[in-house]
């Protein structure tokens, strides 16, 4: 069965469902499609609020653009719109200001359809990928330095061999 077909599920999302997300130790958020056809935050679990350094009151009813502002918010909002209009799961990485610091976040959005077949909610999960990103960058830097050292040693060995060959020839 295709992924899009498996998503054609009529799910009634309610406040009790949102409350159960607080027991999950992964950032989870819910976007509701409002009357103006905008995906706005309807819920953020406790772990997500703690990770972002935001309170539910500062999030509910707002778009990502309103919450994060600037380029950060515009990029997140564009992904939310993509999932809403496309009606298929979307995964993406972007940088968001969490607790005042830019962090690389990988997010997955899953559309939930209402009884009319339209996307009514987007359920999102996020993971902070900053440490993995830093590790990748450190590994690339180390590999570059190793190559530079190997090139230097190769050149130095060649330069040292040339005078020795000439001395051997003279002898």
C-alpha atoms as a PDB file:
ATOM      1  CA  UNK A   1       0.000   0.000   0.000  1.00  0.00           C
ATOM      2  CA  UNK A   2       1.396   3.449  -0.923  1.00  0.00           C
ATOM      3  CA  UNK A   3       2.316   5.873   1.858  1.00  0.00           C
ATOM      4  CA  UNK A   4      -0.346   8.371   0.737  1.00  0.00           C
ATOM      5  CA  UNK A   5      -3.008   5.657   0.913  1.00  0.00           C
ATOM      6  CA  UNK A   6      -2.078   4.697   4.457  1.00  0.00           C
ATOM      7  CA  UNK A   7      -2.603   8.298   5.542  1.00  0.00           C
ATOM      8  CA  UNK A   8      -6.283   8.365   4.552  1.00  0.00           C
ATOM      9  CA  UNK A   9      -7.377   7.829   8.116  1.00  0.00           C
ATOM     10  CA  UNK A  10     -10.080   9.867   9.783  1.00  0.00           C
ATOM     11  CA  UNK A  11      -8.686  10.797  13.187  1.00  0.00           C
ATOM     12  CA  UNK A  12     -10.366  12.945  15.768  1.00  0.00           C
ATOM     13  CA  UNK A  13      -7.549  14.819  17.520  1.00  0.00           C
ATOM     14  CA  UNK A  14      -8.619  16.313  20.828  1.00  0.00           C
ATOM     15  CA  UNK A  15      -7.209  17.884  23.968  1.00  0.00           C
ATOM     16  CA  UNK A  16      -7.006  14.501  25.734  1.00  0.00           C
ATOM     17  CA  UNK A  17      -4.805  13.196  22.903  1.00  0.00           C
ATOM     18  CA  UNK A  18      -2.566  16.272  23.226  1.00  0.00           C
ATOM     19  CA  UNK A  19      -2.257  15.741  26.984  1.00  0.00           C
ATOM     20  CA  UNK A  20      -1.023  12.168  26.453  1.00  0.00           C
ATOM     21  CA  UNK A  21       1.933  13.520  24.430  1.00  0.00           C
ATOM     22  CA  UNK A  22       3.435  14.955  27.629  1.00  0.00           C
ATOM     23  CA  UNK A  23       4.425  11.441  28.720  1.00  0.00           C
ATOM     24  CA  UNK A  24       6.684  11.060  25.632  1.00  0.00           C
ATOM     25  CA  UNK A  25      10.345  12.050  26.011  1.00  0.00           C
ATOM     26  CA  UNK A  26      10.626  13.282  22.415  1.00  0.00           C
ATOM     27  CA  UNK A  27       9.593  16.724  21.179  1.00  0.00           C
ATOM     28  CA  UNK A  28       6.089  16.391  19.695  1.00  0.00           C
ATOM     29  CA  UNK A  29       3.931  19.199  18.374  1.00  0.00           C
ATOM     30  CA  UNK A  30       0.575  19.456  16.647  1.00  0.00           C
ATOM     31  CA  UNK A  31      -0.299  21.964  13.946  1.00  0.00           C
ATOM     32  CA  UNK A  32      -3.973  22.605  13.311  1.00  0.00           C
ATOM     33  CA  UNK A  33      -5.212  24.075  10.040  1.00  0.00           C
ATOM     34  CA  UNK A  34      -7.095  27.212  11.099  1.00  0.00           C
ATOM     35  CA  UNK A  35      -9.994  29.029   9.406  1.00  0.00           C
ATOM     36  CA  UNK A  36      -7.528  31.030   7.300  1.00  0.00           C
ATOM     37  CA  UNK A  37      -5.976  27.779   5.990  1.00  0.00           C
ATOM     38  CA  UNK A  38      -2.778  28.336   7.991  1.00  0.00           C
ATOM     39  CA  UNK A  39      -1.008  25.642  10.002  1.00  0.00           C
ATOM     40  CA  UNK A  40      -0.905  27.010  13.555  1.00  0.00           C
ATOM     41  CA  UNK A  41       0.435  25.325  16.673  1.00  0.00           C
ATOM     42  CA  UNK A  42      -2.343  23.563  18.589  1.00  0.00           C
ATOM     43  CA  UNK A  43      -0.123  21.668  21.053  1.00  0.00           C
ATOM     44  CA  UNK A  44       3.489  21.239  22.131  1.00  0.00           C
ATOM     45  CA  UNK A  45       4.354  18.449  24.552  1.00  0.00           C
ATOM     46  CA  UNK A  46       6.292  19.240  27.742  1.00  0.00           C
ATOM     47  CA  UNK A  47       9.548  17.846  26.322  1.00  0.00           C
ATOM     48  CA  UNK A  48       9.252  20.078  23.217  1.00  0.00           C
ATOM     49  CA  UNK A  49       8.540  23.139  25.361  1.00  0.00           C
ATOM     50  CA  UNK A  50      11.564  22.384  27.531  1.00  0.00           C
ATOM     51  CA  UNK A  51      13.807  21.782  24.495  1.00  0.00           C
ATOM     52  CA  UNK A  52      12.689  24.997  22.772  1.00  0.00           C
ATOM     53  CA  UNK A  53      12.643  27.053  25.950  1.00  0.00           C
ATOM     54  CA  UNK A  54       9.095  28.197  25.170  1.00  0.00           C
ATOM     55  CA  UNK A  55       5.775  27.873  26.958  1.00  0.00           C
ATOM     56  CA  UNK A  56       2.594  26.492  25.421  1.00  0.00           C
ATOM     57  CA  UNK A  57       0.959  29.892  25.905  1.00  0.00           C
ATOM     58  CA  UNK A  58       3.594  31.469  23.620  1.00  0.00           C
ATOM     59  CA  UNK A  59       2.948  28.875  20.895  1.00  0.00           C
ATOM     60  CA  UNK A  60      -0.717  27.905  20.635  1.00  0.00           C
ATOM     61  CA  UNK A  61      -2.570  29.667  17.839  1.00  0.00           C
ATOM     62  CA  UNK A  62       0.611  30.969  16.210  1.00  0.00           C
ATOM     63  CA  UNK A  63       2.437  29.993  13.026  1.00  0.00           C
ATOM     64  CA  UNK A  64       6.121  29.077  12.926  1.00  0.00           C
ATOM     65  CA  UNK A  65       6.787  32.497  11.389  1.00  0.00           C
ATOM     66  CA  UNK A  66       5.207  34.185  14.399  1.00  0.00           C
ATOM     67  CA  UNK A  67       7.006  31.978  16.932  1.00  0.00           C
ATOM     68  CA  UNK A  68      10.532  31.913  15.477  1.00  0.00           C
ATOM     69  CA  UNK A  69      10.509  35.004  13.256  1.00  0.00           C
ATOM     70  CA  UNK A  70      12.848  35.897  10.416  1.00  0.00           C
ATOM     71  CA  UNK A  71      14.359  33.319   8.122  1.00  0.00           C
ATOM     72  CA  UNK A  72      14.053  30.552  10.748  1.00  0.00           C
ATOM     73  CA  UNK A  73      10.300  30.921  10.990  1.00  0.00           C
ATOM     74  CA  UNK A  74       9.795  31.428   7.246  1.00  0.00           C
ATOM     75  CA  UNK A  75      11.618  28.178   6.412  1.00  0.00           C
ATOM     76  CA  UNK A  76       9.713  26.147   9.021  1.00  0.00           C
ATOM     77  CA  UNK A  77       6.395  27.669   7.929  1.00  0.00           C
ATOM     78  CA  UNK A  78       7.144  26.835   4.276  1.00  0.00           C
ATOM     79  CA  UNK A  79       7.661  23.177   5.256  1.00  0.00           C
ATOM     80  CA  UNK A  80       4.407  23.185   7.222  1.00  0.00           C
ATOM     81  CA  UNK A  81       2.575  24.555   4.166  1.00  0.00           C
ATOM     82  CA  UNK A  82       4.266  21.913   1.977  1.00  0.00           C
ATOM     83  CA  UNK A  83       2.979  19.084   4.196  1.00  0.00           C
ATOM     84  CA  UNK A  84      -0.480  20.658   4.457  1.00  0.00           C
ATOM     85  CA  UNK A  85      -0.937  21.205   0.713  1.00  0.00           C
ATOM     86  CA  UNK A  86       0.798  18.012  -0.392  1.00  0.00           C
ATOM     87  CA  UNK A  87      -1.000  15.763   2.058  1.00  0.00           C
ATOM     88  CA  UNK A  88       2.062  13.557   2.465  1.00  0.00           C
ATOM     89  CA  UNK A  89       4.727  13.188   5.176  1.00  0.00           C
ATOM     90  CA  UNK A  90       7.588  15.687   5.053  1.00  0.00           C
ATOM     91  CA  UNK A  91      10.977  15.427   6.752  1.00  0.00           C
ATOM     92  CA  UNK A  92      13.469  18.267   6.814  1.00  0.00           C
ATOM     93  CA  UNK A  93      16.430  19.755   8.656  1.00  0.00           C
ATOM     94  CA  UNK A  94      16.796  23.408   9.487  1.00  0.00           C
ATOM     95  CA  UNK A  95      18.323  25.665  12.078  1.00  0.00           C
ATOM     96  CA  UNK A  96      16.043  27.068  14.778  1.00  0.00           C
ATOM     97  CA  UNK A  97      16.812  29.294  17.748  1.00  0.00           C
ATOM     98  CA  UNK A  98      16.273  26.993  20.728  1.00  0.00           C
ATOM     99  CA  UNK A  99      16.930  28.415  24.170  1.00  0.00           C
ATOM    100  CA  UNK A 100      18.613  31.386  22.508  1.00  0.00           C
ATOM    101  CA  UNK A 101      21.110  29.308  20.493  1.00  0.00           C
ATOM    102  CA  UNK A 102      20.863  28.214  16.871  1.00  0.00           C
ATOM    103  CA  UNK A 103      20.410  24.436  16.752  1.00  0.00           C
ATOM    104  CA  UNK A 104      20.096  22.080  13.779  1.00  0.00           C
ATOM    105  CA  UNK A 105      16.764  20.283  14.081  1.00  0.00           C
ATOM    106  CA  UNK A 106      15.432  17.350  12.039  1.00  0.00           C
ATOM    107  CA  UNK A 107      11.639  17.397  11.909  1.00  0.00           C
ATOM    108  CA  UNK A 108       9.106  14.927  10.551  1.00  0.00           C
ATOM    109  CA  UNK A 109       5.525  16.046   9.818  1.00  0.00           C
ATOM    110  CA  UNK A 110       2.714  13.568   9.369  1.00  0.00           C
ATOM    111  CA  UNK A 111      -0.606  14.868   7.965  1.00  0.00           C
ATOM    112  CA  UNK A 112      -3.838  13.740   9.632  1.00  0.00           C
ATOM    113  CA  UNK A 113      -6.950  13.960   7.489  1.00  0.00           C
ATOM    114  CA  UNK A 114     -10.371  15.103   8.684  1.00  0.00           C
ATOM    115  CA  UNK A 115     -13.682  13.478   7.746  1.00  0.00           C
ATOM    116  CA  UNK A 116     -13.862  15.502   4.501  1.00  0.00           C
ATOM    117  CA  UNK A 117     -10.477  14.179   3.342  1.00  0.00           C
ATOM    118  CA  UNK A 118      -8.634  17.459   3.913  1.00  0.00           C
ATOM    119  CA  UNK A 119      -5.544  17.776   6.090  1.00  0.00           C
ATOM    120  CA  UNK A 120      -6.860  18.866   9.479  1.00  0.00           C
ATOM    121  CA  UNK A 121      -3.700  18.448  11.551  1.00  0.00           C
ATOM    122  CA  UNK A 122       0.009  17.912  11.152  1.00  0.00           C
ATOM    123  CA  UNK A 123       1.692  15.868  13.866  1.00  0.00           C
ATOM    124  CA  UNK A 124       5.372  16.710  14.165  1.00  0.00           C
ATOM    125  CA  UNK A 125       8.352  15.182  15.918  1.00  0.00           C
ATOM    126  CA  UNK A 126      11.762  16.799  16.134  1.00  0.00           C
ATOM    127  CA  UNK A 127      15.283  15.771  17.055  1.00  0.00           C
ATOM    128  CA  UNK A 128      18.218  18.066  17.809  1.00  0.00           C
ATOM    129  CA  UNK A 129      20.911  17.112  15.314  1.00  0.00           C
ATOM    130  CA  UNK A 130      23.402  19.807  16.360  1.00  0.00           C
ATOM    131  CA  UNK A 131      25.826  17.439  18.069  1.00  0.00           C
ATOM    132  CA  UNK A 132      25.780  15.040  15.106  1.00  0.00           C
ATOM    133  CA  UNK A 133      26.354  18.008  12.770  1.00  0.00           C
ATOM    134  CA  UNK A 134      29.273  19.221  14.892  1.00  0.00           C
ATOM    135  CA  UNK A 135      30.717  15.689  14.930  1.00  0.00           C
ATOM    136  CA  UNK A 136      30.476  15.470  11.103  1.00  0.00           C
ATOM    137  CA  UNK A 137      32.205  18.844  10.750  1.00  0.00           C
ATOM    138  CA  UNK A 138      34.953  17.818  13.200  1.00  0.00           C
ATOM    139  CA  UNK A 139      35.497  14.542  11.309  1.00  0.00           C
ATOM    140  CA  UNK A 140      35.760  16.398   7.981  1.00  0.00           C
ATOM    141  CA  UNK A 141      38.253  18.867   9.514  1.00  0.00           C
ATOM    142  CA  UNK A 142      40.334  15.994  10.913  1.00  0.00           C
ATOM    143  CA  UNK A 143      40.329  14.159   7.561  1.00  0.00           C
ATOM    144  CA  UNK A 144      41.437  17.357   5.804  1.00  0.00           C
ATOM    145  CA  UNK A 145      44.269  17.874   8.290  1.00  0.00           C
ATOM    146  CA  UNK A 146      45.427  14.259   7.910  1.00  0.00           C
ATOM    147  CA  UNK A 147      45.563  14.667   4.112  1.00  0.00           C
ATOM    148  CA  UNK A 148      47.535  17.911   4.458  1.00  0.00           C
ATOM    149  CA  UNK A 149      50.035  16.249   6.828  1.00  0.00           C
ATOM    150  CA  UNK A 150      50.416  13.269   4.470  1.00  0.00           C
ATOM    151  CA  UNK A 151      51.072  15.618   1.536  1.00  0.00           C
ATOM    152  CA  UNK A 152      53.646  17.576   3.565  1.00  0.00           C
ATOM    153  CA  UNK A 153      55.460  14.405   4.662  1.00  0.00           C
ATOM    154  CA  UNK A 154      55.497  13.130   1.080  1.00  0.00           C
ATOM    155  CA  UNK A 155      56.976  16.397  -0.198  1.00  0.00           C
ATOM    156  CA  UNK A 156      59.514  16.549   2.633  1.00  0.00           C
ATOM    157  CA  UNK A 157      60.611  12.950   2.003  1.00  0.00           C
ATOM    158  CA  UNK A 158      61.036  13.699  -1.704  1.00  0.00           C
ATOM    159  CA  UNK A 159      63.026  16.869  -0.975  1.00  0.00           C
ATOM    160  CA  UNK A 160      65.306  14.988   1.424  1.00  0.00           C
ATOM    161  CA  UNK A 161      65.914  12.138  -1.033  1.00  0.00           C
ATOM    162  CA  UNK A 162      67.123  14.429  -3.847  1.00  0.00           C
ATOM    163  CA  UNK A 163      70.260  15.711  -2.074  1.00  0.00           C
ATOM    164  CA  UNK A 164      71.052  12.191  -0.869  1.00  0.00           C
ATOM    165  CA  UNK A 165      70.919  10.878  -4.453  1.00  0.00           C
ATOM    166  CA  UNK A 166      73.300  13.581  -5.595  1.00  0.00           C
ATOM    167  CA  UNK A 167      75.740  12.817  -2.796  1.00  0.00           C
ATOM    168  CA  UNK A 168      75.541   9.100  -3.705  1.00  0.00           C
ATOM    169  CA  UNK A 169      76.217   9.927  -7.368  1.00  0.00           C
ATOM    170  CA  UNK A 170      79.272  11.988  -6.508  1.00  0.00           C
ATOM    171  CA  UNK A 171      80.667   9.287  -4.304  1.00  0.00           C
END
